[in-house]
PDB file of all heavy atoms in Angstrom:
ATOM      1  N   GLY A   1       3.202  -2.437   4.445  1.00  0.00           N
ATOM      2  CA  GLY A   1       1.952  -2.725   3.751  1.00  0.00           C
ATOM      3  C   GLY A   1       0.957  -1.567   3.763  1.00  0.00           C
ATOM      4  O   GLY A   1       1.018  -0.662   4.590  1.00  0.00           O
ATOM      5  N   SER A   2       0.057  -1.657   2.821  1.00  0.00           N
ATOM      6  CA  SER A   2      -1.014  -0.671   2.655  1.00  0.00           C
ATOM      7  C   SER A   2      -2.311  -1.345   2.240  1.00  0.00           C
ATOM      8  O   SER A   2      -2.260  -2.295   1.459  1.00  0.00           O
ATOM      9  CB  SER A   2      -0.630   0.398   1.659  1.00  0.00           C
ATOM     10  OG  SER A   2       0.555   1.062   2.013  1.00  0.00           O
ATOM     11  N   VAL A   3      -3.397  -0.797   2.724  1.00  0.00           N
ATOM     12  CA  VAL A   3      -4.751  -1.224   2.248  1.00  0.00           C
ATOM     13  C   VAL A   3      -5.559   0.061   1.941  1.00  0.00           C
ATOM     14  O   VAL A   3      -5.573   0.964   2.729  1.00  0.00           O
ATOM     15  CB  VAL A   3      -5.498  -2.030   3.327  1.00  0.00           C
ATOM     16  CG1 VAL A   3      -6.874  -2.465   2.785  1.00  0.00           C
ATOM     17  CG2 VAL A   3      -4.709  -3.299   3.727  1.00  0.00           C
ATOM     18  N   VAL A   4      -6.187   0.064   0.797  1.00  0.00           N
ATOM     19  CA  VAL A   4      -6.906   1.206   0.322  1.00  0.00           C
ATOM     20  C   VAL A   4      -8.322   0.832  -0.015  1.00  0.00           C
ATOM     21  O   VAL A   4      -8.580  -0.235  -0.602  1.00  0.00           O
ATOM     22  CB  VAL A   4      -6.240   1.846  -0.948  1.00  0.00           C
ATOM     23  CG1 VAL A   4      -7.008   3.076  -1.428  1.00  0.00           C
ATOM     24  CG2 VAL A   4      -4.814   2.245  -0.624  1.00  0.00           C
ATOM     25  N   ASN A   5      -9.322   1.690   0.374  1.00  0.00           N
ATOM     26  CA  ASN A   5     -10.684   1.501  -0.045  1.00  0.00           C
ATOM     27  C   ASN A   5     -10.714   1.887  -1.556  1.00  0.00           C
ATOM     28  O   ASN A   5     -10.525   3.011  -1.923  1.00  0.00           O
ATOM     29  CB  ASN A   5     -11.610   2.385   0.765  1.00  0.00           C
ATOM     30  CG  ASN A   5     -13.073   2.192   0.388  1.00  0.00           C
ATOM     31  OD1 ASN A   5     -13.418   2.045  -0.763  1.00  0.00           O
ATOM     32  ND2 ASN A   5     -13.947   2.246   1.395  1.00  0.00           N
ATOM     33  N   ALA A   6     -10.948   0.894  -2.389  1.00  0.00           N
ATOM     34  CA  ALA A   6     -10.893   1.158  -3.848  1.00  0.00           C
ATOM     35  C   ALA A   6     -11.976   2.046  -4.333  1.00  0.00           C
ATOM     36  O   ALA A   6     -11.890   2.642  -5.394  1.00  0.00           O
ATOM     37  CB  ALA A   6     -10.929  -0.214  -4.586  1.00  0.00           C
ATOM     38  N   ALA A   7     -13.061   2.160  -3.603  1.00  0.00           N
ATOM     39  CA  ALA A   7     -14.195   2.981  -4.002  1.00  0.00           C
ATOM     40  C   ALA A   7     -13.967   4.449  -3.673  1.00  0.00           C
ATOM     41  O   ALA A   7     -14.388   5.338  -4.407  1.00  0.00           O
ATOM     42  CB  ALA A   7     -15.500   2.510  -3.336  1.00  0.00           C
ATOM     43  N   THR A   8     -13.283   4.758  -2.554  1.00  0.00           N
ATOM     44  CA  THR A   8     -13.090   6.099  -2.069  1.00  0.00           C
ATOM     45  C   THR A   8     -11.629   6.574  -2.214  1.00  0.00           C
ATOM     46  O   THR A   8     -11.382   7.795  -2.144  1.00  0.00           O
ATOM     47  CB  THR A   8     -13.532   6.253  -0.636  1.00  0.00           C
ATOM     48  OG1 THR A   8     -12.648   5.479   0.210  1.00  0.00           O
ATOM     49  CG2 THR A   8     -14.960   5.761  -0.455  1.00  0.00           C
ATOM     50  N   GLY A   9     -10.677   5.668  -2.325  1.00  0.00           N
ATOM     51  CA  GLY A   9      -9.319   6.045  -2.337  1.00  0.00           C
ATOM     52  C   GLY A   9      -8.723   6.283  -0.987  1.00  0.00           C
ATOM     53  O   GLY A   9      -7.531   6.637  -0.864  1.00  0.00           O
ATOM     54  N   GLU A  10      -9.495   6.046   0.088  1.00  0.00           N
ATOM     55  CA  GLU A  10      -8.988   6.271   1.422  1.00  0.00           C
ATOM     56  C   GLU A  10      -8.063   5.154   1.871  1.00  0.00           C
ATOM     57  O   GLU A  10      -8.352   3.977   1.717  1.00  0.00           O
ATOM     58  CB  GLU A  10     -10.180   6.373   2.435  1.00  0.00           C
ATOM     59  CG  GLU A  10      -9.742   6.606   3.845  1.00  0.00           C
ATOM     60  CD  GLU A  10     -10.958   6.608   4.806  1.00  0.00           C
ATOM     61  OE1 GLU A  10     -12.093   6.356   4.316  1.00  0.00           O
ATOM     62  OE2 GLU A  10     -10.740   6.864   6.008  1.00  0.00           O
ATOM     63  N   VAL A  11      -6.925   5.536   2.447  1.00  0.00           N
ATOM     64  CA  VAL A  11      -5.986   4.546   2.971  1.00  0.00           C
ATOM     65  C   VAL A  11      -6.529   4.138   4.332  1.00  0.00           C
ATOM     66  O   VAL A  11      -6.617   4.904   5.298  1.00  0.00           O
ATOM     67  CB  VAL A  11      -4.535   5.131   3.146  1.00  0.00           C
ATOM     68  CG1 VAL A  11      -3.624   4.137   3.799  1.00  0.00           C
ATOM     69  CG2 VAL A  11      -3.984   5.540   1.807  1.00  0.00           C
ATOM     70  N   LEU A  12      -6.856   2.822   4.464  1.00  0.00           N
ATOM     71  CA  LEU A  12      -7.463   2.315   5.677  1.00  0.00           C
ATOM     72  C   LEU A  12      -6.376   1.776   6.630  1.00  0.00           C
ATOM     73  O   LEU A  12      -6.563   1.771   7.843  1.00  0.00           O
ATOM     74  CB  LEU A  12      -8.436   1.185   5.399  1.00  0.00           C
ATOM     75  CG  LEU A  12      -9.629   1.566   4.458  1.00  0.00           C
ATOM     76  CD1 LEU A  12     -10.566   0.367   4.363  1.00  0.00           C
ATOM     77  CD2 LEU A  12     -10.359   2.789   4.994  1.00  0.00           C
ATOM     78  N   PHE A  13      -5.253   1.294   6.042  1.00  0.00           N
ATOM     79  CA  PHE A  13      -4.227   0.633   6.868  1.00  0.00           C
ATOM     80  C   PHE A  13      -2.905   0.965   6.211  1.00  0.00           C
ATOM     81  O   PHE A  13      -2.720   0.917   5.016  1.00  0.00           O
ATOM     82  CB  PHE A  13      -4.491  -0.899   6.843  1.00  0.00           C
ATOM     83  CG  PHE A  13      -3.452  -1.689   7.567  1.00  0.00           C
ATOM     84  CD1 PHE A  13      -3.554  -1.889   8.958  1.00  0.00           C
ATOM     85  CD2 PHE A  13      -2.355  -2.258   6.884  1.00  0.00           C
ATOM     86  CE1 PHE A  13      -2.597  -2.625   9.612  1.00  0.00           C
ATOM     87  CE2 PHE A  13      -1.415  -2.996   7.577  1.00  0.00           C
ATOM     88  CZ  PHE A  13      -1.527  -3.182   8.947  1.00  0.00           C
ATOM     89  N   ASP A  14      -1.945   1.311   7.111  1.00  0.00           N
ATOM     90  CA  ASP A  14      -0.634   1.722   6.560  1.00  0.00           C
ATOM     91  C   ASP A  14       0.488   1.314   7.525  1.00  0.00           C
ATOM     92  O   ASP A  14       0.405   1.687   8.743  1.00  0.00           O
ATOM     93  CB  ASP A  14      -0.581   3.225   6.317  1.00  0.00           C
ATOM     94  CG  ASP A  14       0.697   3.700   5.734  1.00  0.00           C
ATOM     95  OD1 ASP A  14       1.692   3.859   6.476  1.00  0.00           O
ATOM     96  OD2 ASP A  14       0.778   3.892   4.504  1.00  0.00           O
ATOM     97  N   ARG A  15       1.450   0.622   7.041  1.00  0.00           N
ATOM     98  CA  ARG A  15       2.640   0.349   7.787  1.00  0.00           C
ATOM     99  C   ARG A  15       3.858   0.630   6.914  1.00  0.00           C
ATOM    100  O   ARG A  15       4.204  -0.160   6.038  1.00  0.00           O
ATOM    101  CB  ARG A  15       2.698  -1.157   8.203  1.00  0.00           C
ATOM    102  CG  ARG A  15       1.649  -1.552   9.216  1.00  0.00           C
ATOM    103  CD  ARG A  15       1.870  -0.871  10.571  1.00  0.00           C
ATOM    104  NE  ARG A  15       0.957  -1.377  11.588  1.00  0.00           N
ATOM    105  CZ  ARG A  15      -0.296  -0.926  11.741  1.00  0.00           C
ATOM    106  NH1 ARG A  15      -0.743   0.071  10.970  1.00  0.00           N
ATOM    107  NH2 ARG A  15      -1.075  -1.393  12.710  1.00  0.00           N
ATOM    108  N   ASN A  16       4.397   1.856   7.053  1.00  0.00           N
ATOM    109  CA  ASN A  16       5.522   2.302   6.204  1.00  0.00           C
ATOM    110  C   ASN A  16       5.189   2.192   4.736  1.00  0.00           C
ATOM    111  O   ASN A  16       6.013   1.881   3.908  1.00  0.00           O
ATOM    112  CB  ASN A  16       6.770   1.455   6.535  1.00  0.00           C
ATOM    113  CG  ASN A  16       7.271   1.632   7.959  1.00  0.00           C
ATOM    114  OD1 ASN A  16       7.267   2.769   8.479  1.00  0.00           O
ATOM    115  ND2 ASN A  16       7.600   0.543   8.588  1.00  0.00           N
ATOM    116  N   GLY A  17       3.925   2.544   4.394  1.00  0.00           N
ATOM    117  CA  GLY A  17       3.483   2.399   3.039  1.00  0.00           C
ATOM    118  C   GLY A  17       4.136   3.313   2.067  1.00  0.00           C
ATOM    119  O   GLY A  17       4.119   3.028   0.845  1.00  0.00           O
ATOM    120  N   SER A  18       4.725   4.417   2.546  1.00  0.00           N
ATOM    121  CA  SER A  18       5.385   5.349   1.596  1.00  0.00           C
ATOM    122  C   SER A  18       6.871   5.037   1.420  1.00  0.00           C
ATOM    123  O   SER A  18       7.543   5.758   0.710  1.00  0.00           O
ATOM    124  CB  SER A  18       5.205   6.740   2.100  1.00  0.00           C
ATOM    125  OG  SER A  18       5.802   6.913   3.406  1.00  0.00           O
ATOM    126  N   THR A  19       7.359   3.993   2.081  1.00  0.00           N
ATOM    127  CA  THR A  19       8.736   3.635   2.071  1.00  0.00           C
ATOM    128  C   THR A  19       9.034   2.720   0.879  1.00  0.00           C
ATOM    129  O   THR A  19       8.516   1.631   0.793  1.00  0.00           O
ATOM    130  CB  THR A  19       9.211   2.950   3.313  1.00  0.00           C
ATOM    131  OG1 THR A  19       8.909   3.775   4.433  1.00  0.00           O
ATOM    132  CG2 THR A  19      10.696   2.648   3.281  1.00  0.00           C
ATOM    133  N   PRO A  20       9.892   3.134  -0.099  1.00  0.00           N
ATOM    134  CA  PRO A  20      10.211   2.224  -1.218  1.00  0.00           C
ATOM    135  C   PRO A  20      10.948   0.988  -0.729  1.00  0.00           C
ATOM    136  O   PRO A  20      11.787   1.058   0.140  1.00  0.00           O
ATOM    137  CB  PRO A  20      11.144   3.126  -2.083  1.00  0.00           C
ATOM    138  CG  PRO A  20      10.861   4.530  -1.657  1.00  0.00           C
ATOM    139  CD  PRO A  20      10.558   4.453  -0.204  1.00  0.00           C
ATOM    140  N   ALA A  21      10.556  -0.146  -1.297  1.00  0.00           N
ATOM    141  CA  ALA A  21      11.133  -1.396  -0.828  1.00  0.00           C
ATOM    142  C   ALA A  21      11.102  -2.424  -1.974  1.00  0.00           C
ATOM    143  O   ALA A  21      10.389  -2.245  -2.974  1.00  0.00           O
ATOM    144  CB  ALA A  21      10.409  -1.939   0.390  1.00  0.00           C
ATOM    145  N   ARG A  22      11.847  -3.454  -1.829  1.00  0.00           N
ATOM    146  CA  ARG A  22      11.888  -4.590  -2.866  1.00  0.00           C
ATOM    147  C   ARG A  22      10.502  -5.197  -2.970  1.00  0.00           C
ATOM    148  O   ARG A  22       9.788  -5.319  -1.923  1.00  0.00           O
ATOM    149  CB  ARG A  22      12.924  -5.592  -2.480  1.00  0.00           C
ATOM    150  CG  ARG A  22      12.673  -6.316  -1.207  1.00  0.00           C
ATOM    151  CD  ARG A  22      13.897  -6.977  -0.632  1.00  0.00           C
ATOM    152  NE  ARG A  22      14.821  -5.965  -0.143  1.00  0.00           N
ATOM    153  CZ  ARG A  22      15.864  -6.200   0.692  1.00  0.00           C
ATOM    154  NH1 ARG A  22      16.076  -7.431   1.135  1.00  0.00           N
ATOM    155  NH2 ARG A  22      16.662  -5.217   1.066  1.00  0.00           N
ATOM    156  N   THR A  23      10.103  -5.590  -4.142  1.00  0.00           N
ATOM    157  CA  THR A  23       8.746  -6.063  -4.384  1.00  0.00           C
ATOM    158  C   THR A  23       8.638  -7.531  -4.691  1.00  0.00           C
ATOM    159  O   THR A  23       7.528  -8.074  -4.671  1.00  0.00           O
ATOM    160  CB  THR A  23       8.157  -5.237  -5.599  1.00  0.00           C
ATOM    161  OG1 THR A  23       8.914  -5.590  -6.734  1.00  0.00           O
ATOM    162  CG2 THR A  23       8.237  -3.748  -5.328  1.00  0.00           C
ATOM    163  N   GLY A  24       9.750  -8.170  -5.082  1.00  0.00           N
ATOM    164  CA  GLY A  24       9.600  -9.489  -5.636  1.00  0.00           C
ATOM    165  C   GLY A  24       8.811  -9.432  -6.921  1.00  0.00           C
ATOM    166  O   GLY A  24       8.740  -8.376  -7.568  1.00  0.00           O
ATOM    167  N   SER A  25       8.128 -10.510  -7.228  1.00  0.00           N
ATOM    168  CA  SER A  25       7.405 -10.617  -8.509  1.00  0.00           C
ATOM    169  C   SER A  25       6.191  -9.739  -8.599  1.00  0.00           C
ATOM    170  O   SER A  25       5.510  -9.653  -9.633  1.00  0.00           O
ATOM    171  CB  SER A  25       7.105 -12.052  -8.861  1.00  0.00           C
ATOM    172  OG  SER A  25       8.238 -12.741  -9.184  1.00  0.00           O
ATOM    173  N   VAL A  26       5.807  -9.095  -7.478  1.00  0.00           N
ATOM    174  CA  VAL A  26       4.724  -8.131  -7.567  1.00  0.00           C
ATOM    175  C   VAL A  26       5.041  -7.067  -8.627  1.00  0.00           C
ATOM    176  O   VAL A  26       4.164  -6.450  -9.231  1.00  0.00           O
ATOM    177  CB  VAL A  26       4.439  -7.480  -6.175  1.00  0.00           C
ATOM    178  CG1 VAL A  26       3.665  -6.201  -6.293  1.00  0.00           C
ATOM    179  CG2 VAL A  26       3.761  -8.443  -5.276  1.00  0.00           C
ATOM    180  N   LEU A  27       6.318  -6.815  -8.857  1.00  0.00           N
ATOM    181  CA  LEU A  27       6.725  -5.829  -9.862  1.00  0.00           C
ATOM    182  C   LEU A  27       6.206  -6.154 -11.256  1.00  0.00           C
ATOM    183  O   LEU A  27       6.049  -5.254 -12.099  1.00  0.00           O
ATOM    184  CB  LEU A  27       8.264  -5.765  -9.915  1.00  0.00           C
ATOM    185  CG  LEU A  27       8.776  -4.606 -10.741  1.00  0.00           C
ATOM    186  CD1 LEU A  27       8.610  -3.310 -10.012  1.00  0.00           C
ATOM    187  CD2 LEU A  27      10.258  -4.781 -11.032  1.00  0.00           C
TER     188      LEU A  27
END
């Protein structure tokens, strides 16, 4: 998972956020 500050673009929280993975219907 990943959480980003939408105003600044700063990644606040990251757990393997750069790893490609299945998305389900989020796609």
